[in-house]
Amino acid sequence: MAVSSGCCLPKLFPAASDCRGDSGALPRLEIPAAASSRLLSPRCRASGLILRFPPNFVRQLSTKARRNCSNIGVAQIVAASWSNNSALPETPLSASAAADAAATVAIPAEADACAATVAIPAEADVPTLVGGDGTSDPSQIRAADSKAAAIAALLSSDGSLAVHAGERLGRVITTDAITTPVVNTSAYWFKNSNELIDFKEGRHSSFEYGRYGNPTTEALEEKMSALEKAESTLFVSSGMYASVAMLTALVPAGGHIITTTDCYRKTRIFIQNELPKMGILATVIDPADMDALRSALDQNNVSLFFTESPTNPFLRCVDIELVSKLCHSKGALVCIDGTFAPPFNQKALTLGADVVLHSATKFIAGHNDVLGGCISGSEELISKIRKYHHVIGGVLNPNAAYMILRGMKTLHLRVQQQNHTALRMAQFLEEHPKIIRVYYPGLPSHPEHHIAKQQMTGFGGVVSFEVAGDLRTTMKFVDSLKIPYIAPSFGGCESIVDQPAIMSYWDLSASERVTYGIKDNLIRFSFGVEDFEDLKADIIQALESI
């Protein structure tokens, strides 16, 4: 797609050497001779130059060529002239016809500036999933998938995937920006009715409406799928919505689920109060009681086993591989809430679970500045949840998607630091005379330490422990801390501490709280990325105050 030297067109495009296809040939761009006297400057007419623009010229010029041009306004004018050309076919061309199609374009007088070389790139670096004629080319889609797979094979570590998956690898947004742009739109437009029909019948790629998808969010979903080794991921507005959508979409009315005693309280409330309205009942078992699990599976037509692992706030662990085998033998699905174990620490799907979900607000985003949730699994299961989600809502804002994308690039670095700090602090606290008990799966004293060692590569950044004292003594310890914030979340760069009896269960009496294992002296401490010695010194001085 090159123009010989001496042409008086602006240098809108990169050098011809950048535009060669696999064969090295440069497709010609032609303007019929009859039009050249009107369209080109005198020196260009003298060269006998002929330009022929391909059918997907609009897309190519408005993305890659535009960003390389020396006069952006000219490139936009040319693109506008092409897109407004009345000679364009109203009916989308077939993929084969599109390859041979050509049309003329008026180059405005403003473009009469000299350049040695003009080339329209073949967009070789970003596969064209939808042709300029409005139809999809299956071979192009396969090529795009193959390219993404080939590049992904180069990145063997989760750390590299956290940085590049979904962005440098297969990003659907065409841009020179290193970071994925935020696409703030409520809807997506179609060039004509035939393109809309092509979209409805699966031949054209688009999102149609903001509730059904967004390019920024899609990049985030691809990144999470790569980390969880999942076929598909759905990002939603919050972790709690992720749990609600998953349960509602996968458990039929009148169904039965199994869950565990220790879990996020709002999840328990939804299971106890909302699922029965749909005729769905729940059996609650201890996380480590496999006999109780077998009994529940034998006595009920169970649709789903759902638990956190590790759990909140006692960090109990279930044997995901064993649970999955038992449940699958009875036709039940397994969903693991991995919020306390981001994919660098645990990959529930590879252990046999069918679905894994996270409150992305916590470790995934990691900066205490955005809400979000995600669900990963097979394409079949995630599609069911996605259909429910499209009806109900709970959409992740694209700005939030961008913030989570940004946060995930340092996920492996943050989690490594938090794992290291939490383990050392748990070991220190276990030896301190003013600490009665420490709950952390990385300690040999933890009831499921043997399970955690088998299925986790890191034990997480949260440590729960009981202070030697009553409610007020524990409150004094919390208030004496200088570094952590008193707040209800965890997993971010800043350390956070809370007293669950007050933060999450204050509406219940002390005796009612104890039925859930919540004592007045229980502390949940989420360690951020601060220096270990600073945090240790702060905890020591706070303990000395009680």
Protein backbone atom coordinates (compact mmCIF):
# COMPACT_ATOMS: atom_id res chain seq x y z
CA MET A 1 0.00 0.00 0.00
CA ALA A 2 2.75 2.44 -0.90
CA VAL A 3 3.02 5.65 -2.90
CA SER A 4 6.20 6.50 -4.78
CA SER A 5 8.35 9.46 -3.78
CA GLY A 6 7.47 12.81 -5.25
CA CYS A 7 3.80 12.58 -4.30
CA CYS A 8 2.33 15.67 -2.70
CA LEU A 9 0.11 13.90 -0.18
CA PRO A 10 0.74 14.39 3.54
CA LYS A 11 2.70 11.70 5.35
CA LEU A 12 -0.30 10.23 7.07
CA PHE A 13 0.97 6.69 7.43
CA PRO A 14 4.09 4.79 8.51
CA ALA A 15 6.75 3.67 6.10
CA ALA A 16 5.89 1.08 3.51
CA SER A 17 8.22 -1.40 5.15
CA ASP A 18 5.87 -1.43 8.15
CA CYS A 19 2.91 -2.50 6.06
CA ARG A 20 4.11 -5.66 4.37
CA GLY A 21 2.10 -8.79 4.82
CA ASP A 22 3.48 -12.28 5.22
CA SER A 23 4.48 -12.35 1.56
CA GLY A 24 6.27 -9.02 1.77
CA ALA A 25 4.10 -7.58 -1.01
CA LEU A 26 2.57 -4.14 -0.80
CA PRO A 27 -1.04 -3.97 -2.03
CA ARG A 28 -1.65 -1.03 -4.40
CA LEU A 29 -3.90 1.87 -3.52
CA GLU A 30 -5.46 3.35 -6.63
CA ILE A 31 -7.48 6.40 -7.55
CA PRO A 32 -8.90 6.15 -11.07
CA ALA A 33 -7.11 8.38 -13.58
CA ALA A 34 -10.30 10.24 -14.40
CA ALA A 35 -10.49 11.49 -10.86
CA SER A 36 -6.82 12.20 -10.34
CA SER A 37 -6.85 15.64 -11.95
CA ARG A 38 -9.49 16.79 -9.45
CA LEU A 39 -8.19 15.00 -6.41
CA LEU A 40 -4.42 15.44 -6.60
CA SER A 41 -2.09 18.43 -6.72
CA PRO A 42 -0.22 19.21 -9.97
CA ARG A 43 3.00 17.50 -8.91
CA CYS A 44 1.07 14.39 -7.84
CA ARG A 45 -0.83 14.33 -11.14
CA ALA A 46 2.46 14.48 -12.97
CA SER A 47 3.62 11.33 -11.23
CA GLY A 48 0.66 9.38 -12.59
CA LEU A 49 -0.03 8.11 -9.07
CA ILE A 50 -2.99 5.81 -8.58
CA LEU A 51 -4.49 5.05 -5.16
CA ARG A 52 -6.95 2.30 -4.33
CA PHE A 53 -8.40 2.19 -0.82
CA PRO A 54 -9.48 -1.14 0.72
CA PRO A 55 -13.00 -1.68 2.08
CA ASN A 56 -11.78 -1.54 5.68
CA PHE A 57 -10.02 1.77 5.07
CA VAL A 58 -12.23 3.62 7.56
CA ARG A 59 -11.26 1.38 10.43
CA GLN A 60 -7.58 1.37 9.52
CA LEU A 61 -7.30 5.08 8.93
CA SER A 62 -9.32 6.06 11.95
CA THR A 63 -7.11 3.99 14.25
CA LYS A 64 -3.57 3.14 13.26
CA ALA A 65 -3.03 5.59 10.42
CA ARG A 66 -4.58 8.50 12.28
CA ARG A 67 -2.23 8.12 15.21
CA ASN A 68 0.81 8.11 12.87
CA CYS A 69 -0.15 11.06 10.74
CA SER A 70 1.61 14.42 10.80
CA ASN A 71 -1.70 16.23 10.40
CA ILE A 72 -4.42 14.52 12.42
CA GLY A 73 -7.08 16.84 11.07
CA VAL A 74 -6.30 15.77 7.49
CA ALA A 75 -6.52 12.10 8.39
CA GLN A 76 -9.89 12.65 10.00
CA ILE A 77 -11.13 14.55 6.97
CA VAL A 78 -10.02 11.76 4.66
CA ALA A 79 -11.68 9.17 6.88
CA ALA A 80 -14.86 11.22 6.98
CA SER A 81 -14.79 11.63 3.19
CA TRP A 82 -14.49 7.90 2.80
CA SER A 83 -17.21 7.02 5.30
CA ASN A 84 -19.61 9.52 3.67
CA ASN A 85 -18.95 8.24 0.16
CA SER A 86 -22.28 7.53 -1.49
CA ALA A 87 -20.65 4.82 -3.58
CA LEU A 88 -20.36 2.51 -0.58
CA PRO A 89 -22.61 -0.57 -0.82
CA GLU A 90 -25.61 -0.42 1.48
CA THR A 91 -25.56 -4.17 1.91
CA PRO A 92 -22.50 -5.67 3.66
CA LEU A 93 -20.23 -7.51 1.28
CA SER A 94 -19.20 -11.09 1.76
CA ALA A 95 -15.75 -11.71 3.22
CA SER A 96 -14.41 -12.85 -0.16
CA ALA A 97 -15.93 -9.94 -2.04
CA ALA A 98 -14.55 -7.50 0.51
CA ALA A 99 -11.01 -8.57 -0.31
CA ASP A 100 -11.43 -7.39 -3.91
CA ALA A 101 -13.70 -4.42 -3.34
CA ALA A 102 -12.41 -0.89 -4.01
CA ALA A 103 -13.78 2.63 -4.08
CA THR A 104 -12.55 6.13 -4.69
CA VAL A 105 -12.15 8.77 -2.02
CA ALA A 106 -11.90 12.51 -2.40
CA ILE A 107 -8.73 13.85 -0.82
CA PRO A 108 -9.49 17.44 0.19
CA ALA A 109 -7.37 20.40 -0.81
CA GLU A 110 -6.07 20.66 2.72
CA ALA A 111 -4.15 17.44 2.04
CA ASP A 112 -1.96 19.03 -0.63
CA ALA A 113 1.32 18.74 1.23
CA CYS A 114 4.39 16.78 0.18
CA ALA A 115 5.68 13.53 1.58
CA ALA A 116 8.14 10.97 0.31
CA THR A 117 6.14 7.90 1.20
CA VAL A 118 2.46 7.28 1.93
CA ALA A 119 1.19 3.90 3.14
CA ILE A 120 -2.00 2.55 4.61
CA PRO A 121 -1.05 -0.18 7.07
CA ALA A 122 -2.59 -3.61 6.90
CA GLU A 123 -3.20 -3.48 10.66
CA ALA A 124 -1.03 -6.54 10.97
CA ASP A 125 -0.40 -6.02 14.65
CA VAL A 126 -4.08 -6.04 15.61
CA PRO A 127 -6.25 -8.73 13.98
CA THR A 128 -9.41 -7.41 12.33
CA LEU A 129 -12.27 -9.43 13.80
CA VAL A 130 -14.91 -7.58 11.82
CA GLY A 131 -14.28 -6.52 8.25
CA GLY A 132 -14.88 -3.01 7.01
CA ASP A 133 -17.89 -4.29 5.13
CA GLY A 134 -19.65 -5.08 8.39
CA THR A 135 -19.32 -8.85 8.29
CA SER A 136 -17.20 -11.15 10.40
CA ASP A 137 -14.48 -13.26 8.84
CA PRO A 138 -14.13 -16.57 10.72
CA SER A 139 -10.58 -17.00 9.44
CA GLN A 140 -9.65 -13.63 10.92
CA ILE A 141 -11.22 -14.58 14.22
CA ARG A 142 -9.26 -17.84 14.22
CA ALA A 143 -6.10 -15.91 13.39
CA ALA A 144 -6.72 -13.56 16.28
CA ASP A 145 -7.25 -16.47 18.66
CA SER A 146 -4.12 -18.17 17.37
CA LYS A 147 -2.08 -15.02 17.81
CA ALA A 148 -3.28 -14.51 21.37
CA ALA A 149 -2.54 -18.14 22.18
CA ALA A 150 0.92 -17.90 20.65
CA ILE A 151 1.83 -14.80 22.62
CA ALA A 152 0.29 -16.20 25.80
CA ALA A 153 2.57 -19.23 25.46
CA LEU A 154 5.50 -16.87 25.91
CA LEU A 155 4.31 -15.86 29.38
CA SER A 156 4.63 -18.79 31.75
CA SER A 157 4.32 -16.89 35.03
CA ASP A 158 1.28 -15.43 36.73
CA GLY A 159 3.21 -12.22 37.28
CA SER A 160 3.63 -11.66 33.54
CA LEU A 161 0.01 -12.61 32.88
CA ALA A 162 -1.16 -10.12 35.50
CA VAL A 163 0.60 -7.38 33.57
CA HIS A 164 -0.14 -8.37 29.97
CA ALA A 165 -3.09 -10.80 29.71
CA GLY A 166 -6.18 -9.22 28.19
CA GLU A 167 -4.21 -6.16 27.14
CA ARG A 168 -1.01 -6.76 25.18
CA LEU A 169 -2.43 -10.23 24.60
CA GLY A 170 -5.61 -9.93 22.57
CA ARG A 171 -6.99 -6.53 23.56
CA VAL A 172 -10.03 -5.76 21.41
CA ILE A 173 -9.44 -2.01 21.56
CA THR A 174 -7.07 -0.81 18.84
CA THR A 175 -4.71 1.71 20.41
CA ASP A 176 -1.06 2.63 20.74
CA ALA A 177 -1.59 3.37 24.44
CA ILE A 178 0.20 1.04 26.83
CA THR A 179 -2.77 1.12 29.17
CA THR A 180 -6.25 0.01 28.14
CA PRO A 181 -8.50 3.03 27.45
CA VAL A 182 -11.69 3.61 29.42
CA VAL A 183 -14.65 3.28 27.06
CA ASN A 184 -17.35 5.42 28.61
CA THR A 185 -20.47 4.69 26.59
CA SER A 186 -23.97 3.47 27.36
CA ALA A 187 -24.58 1.96 23.92
CA TYR A 188 -22.85 0.95 20.67
CA TRP A 189 -23.98 2.02 17.21
CA PHE A 190 -24.29 0.11 13.95
CA LYS A 191 -23.51 1.45 10.47
CA ASN A 192 -26.69 0.10 8.96
CA SER A 193 -29.48 -2.39 9.54
CA ASN A 194 -27.64 -5.19 7.81
CA GLU A 195 -24.74 -4.83 10.21
CA LEU A 196 -27.20 -5.00 13.10
CA ILE A 197 -28.67 -8.20 11.65
CA ASP A 198 -25.14 -9.58 11.28
CA PHE A 199 -24.57 -8.81 14.96
CA LYS A 200 -27.81 -10.49 16.00
CA GLU A 201 -26.89 -13.58 13.97
CA GLY A 202 -23.31 -13.75 15.26
CA ARG A 203 -21.38 -12.52 12.23
CA HIS A 204 -20.45 -9.12 13.64
CA SER A 205 -18.71 -8.43 16.94
CA SER A 206 -20.12 -5.71 19.19
CA PHE A 207 -21.65 -5.20 22.64
CA GLU A 208 -24.90 -3.43 21.61
CA TYR A 209 -25.67 -2.00 25.06
CA GLY A 210 -23.56 -1.05 28.07
CA ARG A 211 -25.21 -3.58 30.35
CA TYR A 212 -24.19 -6.40 28.00
CA GLY A 213 -20.49 -5.61 27.84
CA ASN A 214 -17.72 -3.07 27.50
CA PRO A 215 -14.26 -3.26 25.86
CA THR A 216 -12.49 -2.07 29.01
CA THR A 217 -14.30 -4.61 31.13
CA GLU A 218 -13.67 -7.34 28.56
CA ALA A 219 -9.91 -6.76 28.83
CA LEU A 220 -10.24 -7.16 32.60
CA GLU A 221 -12.23 -10.37 32.21
CA GLU A 222 -9.61 -11.82 29.87
CA LYS A 223 -6.87 -11.04 32.38
CA MET A 224 -8.74 -12.78 35.20
CA SER A 225 -9.48 -15.81 33.04
CA ALA A 226 -5.79 -16.16 32.26
CA LEU A 227 -4.87 -16.04 35.96
CA GLU A 228 -7.59 -18.46 37.08
CA LYS A 229 -7.08 -20.71 34.04
CA ALA A 230 -10.76 -20.32 33.26
CA GLU A 231 -12.60 -20.44 29.96
CA SER A 232 -14.61 -17.35 30.84
CA THR A 233 -14.95 -14.64 33.48
CA LEU A 234 -17.74 -12.20 34.29
CA PHE A 235 -16.97 -9.01 36.19
CA VAL A 236 -19.81 -7.38 38.10
CA SER A 237 -20.44 -4.47 40.44
CA SER A 238 -19.46 -6.13 43.75
CA GLY A 239 -18.44 -9.39 45.35
CA MET A 240 -21.80 -9.75 47.04
CA TYR A 241 -23.59 -9.34 43.73
CA ALA A 242 -21.28 -12.00 42.28
CA SER A 243 -22.45 -14.45 44.97
CA VAL A 244 -26.11 -13.56 44.47
CA ALA A 245 -25.90 -13.84 40.68
CA MET A 246 -24.06 -17.16 40.85
CA LEU A 247 -26.51 -18.72 43.31
CA THR A 248 -29.59 -17.44 41.52
CA ALA A 249 -28.41 -18.49 38.06
CA LEU A 250 -27.03 -21.93 38.90
CA VAL A 251 -29.45 -23.21 41.57
CA PRO A 252 -32.97 -23.98 40.29
CA ALA A 253 -36.10 -23.06 42.20
CA GLY A 254 -36.72 -25.76 44.78
CA GLY A 255 -33.07 -26.75 44.72
CA HIS A 256 -30.72 -27.57 47.58
CA ILE A 257 -27.27 -26.22 48.40
CA ILE A 258 -24.58 -27.08 50.92
CA THR A 259 -22.53 -24.36 52.59
CA THR A 260 -20.23 -24.01 55.59
CA THR A 261 -20.56 -22.53 59.07
CA ASP A 262 -17.84 -19.92 58.74
CA CYS A 263 -18.49 -17.38 55.99
CA TYR A 264 -19.10 -13.73 55.20
CA ARG A 265 -22.15 -12.71 57.17
CA LYS A 266 -24.03 -11.06 54.30
CA THR A 267 -23.65 -14.26 52.27
CA ARG A 268 -25.13 -16.22 55.16
CA ILE A 269 -28.02 -13.75 55.41
CA PHE A 270 -28.80 -14.14 51.70
CA ILE A 271 -28.72 -17.94 51.98
CA GLN A 272 -30.88 -17.99 55.09
CA ASN A 273 -33.38 -15.25 54.23
CA GLU A 274 -33.58 -14.90 50.45
CA LEU A 275 -33.01 -18.34 48.93
CA PRO A 276 -35.98 -19.90 50.83
CA LYS A 277 -38.25 -17.44 48.99
CA MET A 278 -37.28 -19.36 45.83
CA GLY A 279 -37.81 -22.69 47.55
CA ILE A 280 -34.06 -23.26 47.86
CA LEU A 281 -32.90 -24.92 51.07
CA ALA A 282 -29.40 -25.11 52.55
CA THR A 283 -27.49 -27.62 54.64
CA VAL A 284 -24.72 -26.04 56.72
CA ILE A 285 -21.67 -28.12 57.65
CA ASP A 286 -18.27 -27.57 59.25
CA PRO A 287 -15.66 -26.84 56.53
CA ALA A 288 -13.64 -29.94 57.45
CA ASP A 289 -16.52 -32.37 58.07
CA MET A 290 -16.47 -34.61 55.00
CA ASP A 291 -18.79 -37.14 56.64
CA ALA A 292 -21.41 -34.41 56.98
CA LEU A 293 -20.87 -33.54 53.32
CA ARG A 294 -21.36 -37.15 52.22
CA SER A 295 -24.51 -37.40 54.33
CA ALA A 296 -25.98 -34.18 52.89
CA LEU A 297 -25.24 -35.34 49.36
CA ASP A 298 -26.90 -38.70 49.99
CA GLN A 299 -30.01 -37.29 51.62
CA ASN A 300 -30.72 -34.36 49.29
CA ASN A 301 -30.79 -33.59 45.59
CA VAL A 302 -27.96 -31.09 45.89
CA SER A 303 -27.39 -28.59 43.09
CA LEU A 304 -24.39 -26.74 44.47
CA PHE A 305 -21.75 -26.75 47.18
CA PHE A 306 -20.68 -23.19 48.02
CA THR A 307 -18.01 -22.11 50.47
CA GLU A 308 -15.17 -19.71 51.01
CA SER A 309 -11.68 -21.15 51.24
CA PRO A 310 -10.10 -19.73 53.30
CA THR A 311 -13.21 -18.61 55.16
CA ASN A 312 -14.06 -15.32 56.85
CA PRO A 313 -12.91 -14.61 59.55
CA PHE A 314 -11.33 -17.85 60.86
CA LEU A 315 -9.58 -18.74 57.61
CA ARG A 316 -10.79 -22.34 57.56
CA CYS A 317 -9.85 -24.31 54.46
CA VAL A 318 -11.82 -26.98 52.62
CA ASP A 319 -10.15 -29.76 50.67
CA ILE A 320 -11.25 -28.48 47.26
CA GLU A 321 -10.09 -31.54 45.36
CA LEU A 322 -11.89 -34.00 47.67
CA VAL A 323 -15.02 -31.88 47.91
CA SER A 324 -15.17 -31.60 44.13
CA LYS A 325 -14.88 -35.37 43.67
CA LEU A 326 -17.63 -36.06 46.22
CA CYS A 327 -19.99 -33.45 44.81
CA HIS A 328 -19.42 -34.35 41.17
CA SER A 329 -20.17 -38.00 41.93
CA LYS A 330 -23.65 -36.83 42.95
CA GLY A 331 -24.10 -34.36 40.11
CA ALA A 332 -23.55 -31.25 42.24
CA LEU A 333 -21.53 -28.23 41.20
CA VAL A 334 -18.78 -26.73 43.36
CA CYS A 335 -18.24 -22.98 43.76
CA ILE A 336 -15.35 -21.61 45.81
CA ASP A 337 -15.26 -18.04 47.03
CA GLY A 338 -11.54 -17.34 46.75
CA THR A 339 -11.60 -13.75 48.00
CA PHE A 340 -9.05 -14.56 50.74
CA ALA A 341 -6.93 -16.52 48.24
CA PRO A 342 -6.24 -14.60 45.00
CA PRO A 343 -5.08 -16.73 42.06
CA PHE A 344 -1.41 -16.34 42.98
CA ASN A 345 -2.14 -18.24 46.19
CA GLN A 346 -4.76 -20.73 45.01
CA LYS A 347 -6.39 -21.83 41.77
CA ALA A 348 -9.63 -23.51 42.73
CA LEU A 349 -10.55 -24.48 39.16
CA THR A 350 -7.39 -26.52 38.69
CA LEU A 351 -8.24 -28.35 41.93
CA GLY A 352 -11.62 -29.44 40.56
CA ALA A 353 -14.04 -26.63 41.39
CA ASP A 354 -16.53 -25.62 38.71
CA VAL A 355 -16.69 -21.93 39.57
CA VAL A 356 -14.51 -19.54 41.55
CA LEU A 357 -15.57 -16.06 42.56
CA HIS A 358 -13.88 -13.11 44.20
CA SER A 359 -14.75 -9.82 45.75
CA ALA A 360 -12.37 -7.93 43.48
CA THR A 361 -12.62 -5.05 45.92
CA LYS A 362 -10.08 -6.86 48.09
CA PHE A 363 -6.77 -8.37 46.89
CA ILE A 364 -7.61 -8.30 43.17
CA ALA A 365 -7.92 -4.50 42.89
CA GLY A 366 -5.78 -4.07 45.96
CA HIS A 367 -5.90 -0.32 46.52
CA ASN A 368 -8.99 0.19 48.71
CA ASP A 369 -10.50 2.47 46.09
CA VAL A 370 -12.97 0.50 43.97
CA LEU A 371 -15.81 -2.03 44.29
CA GLY A 372 -16.11 -5.05 42.04
CA GLY A 373 -16.70 -8.78 41.87
CA CYS A 374 -15.92 -11.55 39.41
CA ILE A 375 -16.96 -15.11 38.60
CA SER A 376 -14.75 -17.48 36.59
CA GLY A 377 -15.37 -20.96 35.22
CA SER A 378 -16.38 -22.86 32.12
CA GLU A 379 -17.98 -21.00 29.23
CA GLU A 380 -21.16 -23.03 29.76
CA LEU A 381 -21.62 -22.02 33.41
CA ILE A 382 -20.48 -18.41 33.07
CA SER A 383 -22.85 -17.97 30.11
CA LYS A 384 -25.76 -18.96 32.35
CA ILE A 385 -24.72 -16.41 34.95
CA ARG A 386 -24.09 -13.79 32.27
CA LYS A 387 -27.63 -14.19 30.89
CA TYR A 388 -29.05 -13.62 34.36
CA HIS A 389 -26.72 -10.67 34.84
CA HIS A 390 -27.85 -9.07 31.57
CA VAL A 391 -31.41 -9.07 32.84
CA ILE A 392 -30.82 -7.99 36.44
CA GLY A 393 -27.99 -5.48 36.06
CA GLY A 394 -25.21 -5.12 38.59
CA VAL A 395 -22.89 -3.81 35.86
CA LEU A 396 -19.29 -2.89 36.60
CA ASN A 397 -18.61 0.72 35.64
CA PRO A 398 -15.87 0.94 32.95
CA ASN A 399 -13.95 3.39 35.12
CA ALA A 400 -13.97 0.80 37.90
CA ALA A 401 -12.83 -1.82 35.38
CA TYR A 402 -9.89 0.40 34.47
CA MET A 403 -8.94 0.83 38.14
CA ILE A 404 -9.05 -2.93 38.73
CA LEU A 405 -6.96 -3.51 35.59
CA ARG A 406 -4.40 -1.08 36.93
CA GLY A 407 -4.43 -2.72 40.35
CA MET A 408 -3.98 -6.22 38.97
CA LYS A 409 -0.67 -5.32 37.31
CA THR A 410 0.94 -5.33 40.76
CA LEU A 411 -1.14 -8.17 42.18
CA HIS A 412 1.73 -10.63 42.36
CA LEU A 413 4.04 -8.11 43.98
CA ARG A 414 1.47 -7.07 46.57
CA VAL A 415 0.39 -10.60 47.42
CA GLN A 416 3.95 -11.82 47.83
CA GLN A 417 4.64 -9.02 50.29
CA GLN A 418 1.37 -9.59 52.15
CA ASN A 419 1.96 -13.36 52.33
CA HIS A 420 5.43 -12.79 53.75
CA THR A 421 4.34 -10.18 56.30
CA ALA A 422 1.26 -12.11 57.46
CA LEU A 423 3.15 -15.38 58.00
CA ARG A 424 5.92 -13.73 60.01
CA MET A 425 3.37 -11.74 62.02
CA ALA A 426 1.27 -14.82 62.72
CA GLN A 427 4.35 -16.60 64.01
CA PHE A 428 5.24 -13.60 66.19
CA LEU A 429 1.71 -13.22 67.58
CA GLU A 430 1.44 -16.92 68.41
CA GLU A 431 4.41 -16.52 70.77
CA HIS A 432 3.18 -13.32 72.43
CA PRO A 433 1.83 -13.72 75.98
CA LYS A 434 -1.07 -11.28 75.40
CA ILE A 435 -2.42 -13.26 72.43
CA ILE A 436 -4.60 -16.27 73.26
CA ARG A 437 -4.96 -17.80 69.80
CA VAL A 438 -3.96 -17.10 66.21
CA TYR A 439 -5.95 -18.20 63.14
CA TYR A 440 -3.76 -18.46 60.03
CA PRO A 441 -3.55 -21.40 57.58
CA GLY A 442 0.22 -21.02 57.34
CA LEU A 443 0.68 -22.06 60.97
CA PRO A 444 1.01 -25.74 61.93
CA SER A 445 -1.51 -25.05 64.71
CA HIS A 446 -4.24 -24.27 62.17
CA PRO A 447 -6.77 -27.16 61.91
CA GLU A 448 -6.45 -27.31 58.08
CA HIS A 449 -2.77 -26.48 57.77
CA HIS A 450 -2.15 -29.79 55.98
CA ILE A 451 -4.85 -28.94 53.42
CA ALA A 452 -3.56 -25.40 52.94
CA LYS A 453 -0.05 -26.70 52.25
CA GLN A 454 -1.41 -28.99 49.53
CA GLN A 455 -3.57 -26.52 47.63
CA MET A 456 -2.11 -23.08 48.36
CA THR A 457 1.18 -21.54 47.27
CA GLY A 458 0.78 -18.67 49.75
CA PHE A 459 -1.39 -18.34 52.83
CA GLY A 460 -2.72 -14.81 52.37
CA GLY A 461 -2.36 -11.42 53.98
CA VAL A 462 -5.03 -11.69 56.68
CA VAL A 463 -4.45 -12.95 60.22
CA SER A 464 -7.17 -13.34 62.84
CA PHE A 465 -6.33 -13.60 66.52
CA GLU A 466 -7.79 -13.30 70.01
CA VAL A 467 -6.42 -10.80 72.49
CA ALA A 468 -6.13 -11.67 76.19
CA GLY A 469 -8.95 -9.48 77.44
CA ASP A 470 -12.61 -8.53 77.12
CA LEU A 471 -14.44 -6.28 74.68
CA ARG A 472 -13.07 -3.04 76.14
CA THR A 473 -9.52 -4.32 76.39
CA THR A 474 -9.63 -5.38 72.78
CA MET A 475 -11.07 -2.02 71.78
CA LYS A 476 -8.14 -0.31 73.55
CA PHE A 477 -5.67 -2.45 71.61
CA VAL A 478 -7.32 -1.54 68.30
CA ASP A 479 -7.47 2.16 69.16
CA SER A 480 -3.79 2.17 70.16
CA LEU A 481 -2.64 1.03 66.72
CA LYS A 482 -1.20 3.87 64.63
CA ILE A 483 -0.63 2.36 61.17
CA PRO A 484 -3.73 0.33 60.22
CA TYR A 485 -7.10 1.88 59.50
CA ILE A 486 -10.18 0.70 61.41
CA ALA A 487 -12.34 -0.37 58.48
CA PRO A 488 -14.42 -3.34 57.24
CA SER A 489 -12.39 -4.40 54.19
CA PHE A 490 -9.08 -6.17 53.56
CA GLY A 491 -6.52 -7.00 50.88
CA GLY A 492 -5.39 -3.49 49.99
CA CYS A 493 -2.04 -1.73 50.13
CA GLU A 494 -2.95 -0.10 53.43
CA SER A 495 -3.23 -2.30 56.52
CA ILE A 496 -6.73 -2.56 57.99
CA VAL A 497 -7.86 -3.84 61.37
CA ASP A 498 -11.33 -4.56 62.72
CA GLN A 499 -13.01 -6.12 65.72
CA PRO A 500 -15.73 -8.34 64.15
CA ALA A 501 -17.93 -8.22 67.28
CA ILE A 502 -18.35 -4.49 66.63
CA MET A 503 -17.73 -4.13 62.91
CA SER A 504 -19.94 -6.97 61.63
CA TYR A 505 -22.04 -8.35 64.50
CA TRP A 506 -22.84 -5.41 66.78
CA ASP A 507 -26.57 -5.77 66.08
CA LEU A 508 -26.48 -9.16 67.85
CA SER A 509 -26.11 -9.82 71.57
CA ALA A 510 -22.85 -11.26 72.89
CA SER A 511 -24.49 -14.66 73.32
CA GLU A 512 -25.82 -14.59 69.75
CA ARG A 513 -22.42 -13.59 68.38
CA VAL A 514 -20.79 -16.56 70.09
CA THR A 515 -23.05 -18.97 68.18
CA TYR A 516 -21.12 -17.88 65.08
CA GLY A 517 -17.79 -18.15 66.91
CA ILE A 518 -17.43 -14.39 67.18
CA LYS A 519 -15.92 -13.53 70.56
CA ASP A 520 -15.54 -10.00 71.86
CA ASN A 521 -11.74 -10.28 71.82
CA LEU A 522 -11.43 -11.43 68.19
CA ILE A 523 -9.33 -9.29 65.83
CA ARG A 524 -9.06 -9.55 62.02
CA PHE A 525 -5.91 -7.88 60.77
CA SER A 526 -5.32 -7.35 57.04
CA PHE A 527 -1.67 -6.60 56.40
CA GLY A 528 -0.86 -4.20 53.61
CA VAL A 529 2.43 -3.61 51.87
CA GLU A 530 4.05 -1.57 54.63
CA ASP A 531 7.37 -2.68 56.07
CA PHE A 532 7.15 -5.66 58.40
CA GLU A 533 9.25 -4.09 61.14
CA ASP A 534 7.09 -0.97 61.22
CA LEU A 535 3.93 -3.03 61.56
CA LYS A 536 5.48 -5.26 64.19
CA ALA A 537 6.62 -2.28 66.27
CA ASP A 538 3.13 -0.78 66.05
CA ILE A 539 1.50 -4.01 67.24
CA ILE A 540 3.99 -4.34 70.09
CA GLN A 541 3.28 -0.85 71.38
CA ALA A 542 -0.47 -1.42 71.11
CA LEU A 543 -0.20 -4.68 73.07
CA GLU A 544 1.86 -2.93 75.70
CA SER A 545 -0.98 -0.47 76.19
CA ILE A 546 -3.37 -3.15 77.46
